[in-house]
Every structure is written in C-alpha cells, then in structure tokens.
C-alpha cells in the first residue's frame, strides 16, 4: 500500500487550501449523514475518512476559477 500523503502534500496538489477544506468538510458531512465511506480505513472521524478518499482520487476537489469575488 502507498504511503499516506500529508495534508500539506494534498494542498500542494490541489493548489488551494480553501478548495481542499471545503471538499473534505462536505464529504465528511455526507459520511456523518449516512453515506458509506468509499475506502476501508481504521479512522473514525468523518473528515479523516474524507481526506483519505481525496488522497486516493475517489473524491474530487473543485478549485474555483481565480478572480471571482
């Protein structure tokens, strides 16, 4: 199994801390609301599970276009 990426590595890949946080929070909320996790992990916290899903490419992170206010 591949080594787990750090949160900083995920931020560097997505190019947006904001987009990563929003994606992890939304997916974490979905897991709390009863959606099944897409990965088998030992973690119990929904956001940790969501970050693992993002790392494995099962959940996408949408980066908003720059310049929008």
N, C-alpha and C. Protein backbone atom coordinates (compact mmCIF):
# COMPACT_ATOMS: atom_id res chain seq x y z
N UNK A 1 0.84 -1.17 0.00
CA UNK A 1 0.00 0.00 0.00
C UNK A 1 0.89 1.24 0.00
N UNK A 2 0.45 2.27 -0.70
CA UNK A 2 1.23 3.51 -0.80
C UNK A 2 1.22 4.27 0.52
N UNK A 3 2.29 5.01 0.74
CA UNK A 3 2.40 5.84 1.93
C UNK A 3 1.35 6.94 1.89
N UNK A 4 0.73 7.20 3.01
CA UNK A 4 -0.28 8.24 3.08
C UNK A 4 0.36 9.61 2.88
N UNK A 5 -0.32 10.45 2.12
CA UNK A 5 0.17 11.80 1.88
C UNK A 5 -0.20 12.68 3.07
N UNK A 6 0.63 13.67 3.31
CA UNK A 6 0.30 14.63 4.36
C UNK A 6 -0.73 15.61 3.82
N UNK A 7 -1.35 16.34 4.73
CA UNK A 7 -2.32 17.35 4.32
C UNK A 7 -1.62 18.40 3.45
N UNK A 8 -0.39 18.75 3.80
CA UNK A 8 0.35 19.74 3.01
C UNK A 8 0.57 19.25 1.59
N UNK A 9 0.86 17.97 1.41
CA UNK A 9 1.02 17.42 0.06
C UNK A 9 -0.29 17.51 -0.72
N UNK A 10 -1.41 17.25 -0.05
CA UNK A 10 -2.71 17.37 -0.72
C UNK A 10 -2.98 18.82 -1.11
N UNK A 11 -2.62 19.77 -0.24
CA UNK A 11 -2.79 21.19 -0.55
C UNK A 11 -1.95 21.55 -1.77
N UNK A 12 -0.72 21.08 -1.81
CA UNK A 12 0.16 21.38 -2.94
C UNK A 12 -0.41 20.82 -4.24
N UNK A 13 -1.02 19.65 -4.19
CA UNK A 13 -1.60 19.03 -5.39
C UNK A 13 -2.84 19.78 -5.87
N UNK A 14 -3.67 20.24 -4.93
CA UNK A 14 -4.91 20.91 -5.32
C UNK A 14 -4.70 22.39 -5.61
N UNK A 15 -3.60 22.95 -5.15
CA UNK A 15 -3.27 24.36 -5.36
C UNK A 15 -4.19 25.32 -4.61
N UNK A 16 -5.04 24.78 -3.74
CA UNK A 16 -5.97 25.65 -3.00
C UNK A 16 -6.32 25.01 -1.65
N UNK A 17 -5.87 25.64 -0.58
CA UNK A 17 -6.24 25.16 0.76
C UNK A 17 -7.74 25.23 0.94
N UNK A 18 -8.32 26.32 0.47
CA UNK A 18 -9.76 26.53 0.62
C UNK A 18 -10.55 25.40 -0.04
N UNK A 19 -10.22 25.08 -1.27
CA UNK A 19 -10.95 24.04 -2.00
C UNK A 19 -10.81 22.69 -1.31
N UNK A 20 -9.61 22.39 -0.79
CA UNK A 20 -9.40 21.12 -0.08
C UNK A 20 -10.25 21.06 1.18
N UNK A 21 -10.27 22.13 1.94
CA UNK A 21 -11.05 22.18 3.18
C UNK A 21 -12.54 22.03 2.89
N UNK A 22 -13.01 22.73 1.87
CA UNK A 22 -14.44 22.65 1.53
C UNK A 22 -14.81 21.24 1.08
N UNK A 23 -13.98 20.63 0.24
CA UNK A 23 -14.27 19.27 -0.25
C UNK A 23 -14.27 18.27 0.90
N UNK A 24 -13.28 18.36 1.78
CA UNK A 24 -13.20 17.43 2.91
C UNK A 24 -14.37 17.63 3.87
N UNK A 25 -14.74 18.88 4.12
CA UNK A 25 -15.86 19.16 5.02
C UNK A 25 -17.18 18.65 4.45
N UNK A 26 -17.39 18.89 3.16
CA UNK A 26 -18.64 18.42 2.53
C UNK A 26 -18.72 16.91 2.54
N UNK A 27 -17.63 16.25 2.19
CA UNK A 27 -17.65 14.78 2.17
C UNK A 27 -17.77 14.23 3.59
N UNK A 28 -17.09 14.87 4.54
CA UNK A 28 -17.21 14.46 5.94
C UNK A 28 -18.64 14.57 6.44
N UNK A 29 -19.31 15.65 6.07
CA UNK A 29 -20.72 15.84 6.44
C UNK A 29 -21.59 14.75 5.81
N UNK A 30 -21.31 14.41 4.55
CA UNK A 30 -22.08 13.36 3.87
C UNK A 30 -21.91 12.03 4.60
N UNK A 31 -20.70 11.74 5.04
CA UNK A 31 -20.45 10.49 5.78
C UNK A 31 -21.21 10.52 7.10
N UNK A 32 -21.19 11.66 7.78
CA UNK A 32 -21.94 11.78 9.04
C UNK A 32 -23.44 11.61 8.82
N UNK A 33 -23.92 12.03 7.64
CA UNK A 33 -25.34 11.93 7.33
C UNK A 33 -25.77 10.55 6.84
N UNK A 34 -24.81 9.60 6.79
CA UNK A 34 -25.18 8.24 6.47
C UNK A 34 -24.62 7.67 5.18
N UNK A 35 -23.96 8.48 4.38
CA UNK A 35 -23.34 7.94 3.16
C UNK A 35 -22.19 7.03 3.55
N UNK A 36 -22.03 5.95 2.80
CA UNK A 36 -20.99 4.98 3.10
C UNK A 36 -19.62 5.50 2.65
N UNK A 37 -18.59 5.28 3.48
CA UNK A 37 -17.23 5.65 3.06
C UNK A 37 -16.83 4.85 1.82
N UNK A 38 -16.02 5.47 0.98
CA UNK A 38 -15.56 4.83 -0.25
C UNK A 38 -14.29 4.03 -0.04
N UNK A 39 -13.72 4.09 1.16
CA UNK A 39 -12.47 3.40 1.47
C UNK A 39 -12.62 2.67 2.80
N UNK A 40 -11.83 1.64 2.97
CA UNK A 40 -11.76 0.91 4.24
C UNK A 40 -10.57 1.46 5.01
N UNK A 41 -10.82 2.19 6.08
CA UNK A 41 -9.75 2.75 6.90
C UNK A 41 -10.07 2.50 8.37
N UNK A 42 -9.06 2.66 9.20
CA UNK A 42 -9.24 2.48 10.64
C UNK A 42 -9.69 3.77 11.31
N UNK A 43 -9.73 4.85 10.55
CA UNK A 43 -10.13 6.15 11.10
C UNK A 43 -11.62 6.13 11.45
N UNK A 44 -11.97 6.92 12.46
CA UNK A 44 -13.37 7.02 12.85
C UNK A 44 -13.94 8.41 12.59
N UNK A 45 -13.06 9.39 12.39
CA UNK A 45 -13.52 10.75 12.17
C UNK A 45 -13.87 10.94 10.69
N UNK A 46 -15.05 11.48 10.41
CA UNK A 46 -15.50 11.63 9.03
C UNK A 46 -14.57 12.44 8.14
N UNK A 47 -13.99 13.52 8.65
CA UNK A 47 -13.10 14.34 7.82
C UNK A 47 -11.82 13.58 7.50
N UNK A 48 -11.33 12.79 8.43
CA UNK A 48 -10.14 11.96 8.17
C UNK A 48 -10.43 10.96 7.07
N UNK A 49 -11.61 10.35 7.12
CA UNK A 49 -12.02 9.42 6.07
C UNK A 49 -12.13 10.16 4.73
N UNK A 50 -12.70 11.36 4.75
CA UNK A 50 -12.85 12.15 3.53
C UNK A 50 -11.49 12.50 2.94
N UNK A 51 -10.52 12.87 3.78
CA UNK A 51 -9.19 13.18 3.27
C UNK A 51 -8.52 11.96 2.65
N UNK A 52 -8.77 10.79 3.21
CA UNK A 52 -8.23 9.55 2.62
C UNK A 52 -8.87 9.31 1.25
N UNK A 53 -10.17 9.56 1.14
CA UNK A 53 -10.85 9.40 -0.14
C UNK A 53 -10.29 10.38 -1.18
N UNK A 54 -10.02 11.60 -0.76
CA UNK A 54 -9.45 12.60 -1.66
C UNK A 54 -8.06 12.16 -2.10
N UNK A 55 -7.27 11.69 -1.15
CA UNK A 55 -5.91 11.23 -1.46
C UNK A 55 -5.91 10.13 -2.50
N UNK A 56 -6.86 9.22 -2.40
CA UNK A 56 -6.93 8.09 -3.33
C UNK A 56 -7.60 8.45 -4.66
N UNK A 57 -8.07 9.69 -4.77
CA UNK A 57 -8.68 10.13 -6.02
C UNK A 57 -10.13 9.72 -6.19
N UNK A 58 -10.77 9.32 -5.10
CA UNK A 58 -12.16 8.90 -5.18
C UNK A 58 -13.14 10.06 -5.02
N UNK A 59 -12.65 11.15 -4.46
CA UNK A 59 -13.45 12.37 -4.31
C UNK A 59 -12.64 13.49 -4.93
N UNK A 60 -13.29 14.25 -5.80
CA UNK A 60 -12.56 15.32 -6.48
C UNK A 60 -12.65 16.62 -5.70
N UNK A 61 -11.64 17.45 -5.89
CA UNK A 61 -11.57 18.77 -5.28
C UNK A 61 -11.72 19.78 -6.41
N UNK A 62 -12.78 20.56 -6.36
CA UNK A 62 -13.02 21.55 -7.38
C UNK A 62 -12.43 22.88 -6.95
N UNK A 63 -11.46 23.35 -7.70
CA UNK A 63 -10.82 24.64 -7.40
C UNK A 63 -11.57 25.71 -8.19
N UNK A 64 -12.12 26.71 -7.47
CA UNK A 64 -12.85 27.75 -8.19
C UNK A 64 -11.91 28.58 -9.07
N UNK A 65 -12.43 29.12 -10.16
CA UNK A 65 -11.59 29.95 -11.02
C UNK A 65 -11.10 31.18 -10.24
N UNK A 66 -9.90 31.63 -10.53
CA UNK A 66 -9.37 32.79 -9.83
C UNK A 66 -10.00 34.06 -10.38
N UNK A 67 -10.03 35.06 -9.55
CA UNK A 67 -10.55 36.34 -9.97
C UNK A 67 -12.03 36.54 -9.69
N UNK A 68 -12.72 35.54 -9.19
CA UNK A 68 -14.14 35.68 -8.87
C UNK A 68 -14.25 36.22 -7.45
N UNK A 69 -15.05 37.23 -7.29
CA UNK A 69 -15.25 37.83 -5.96
C UNK A 69 -16.71 37.95 -5.67
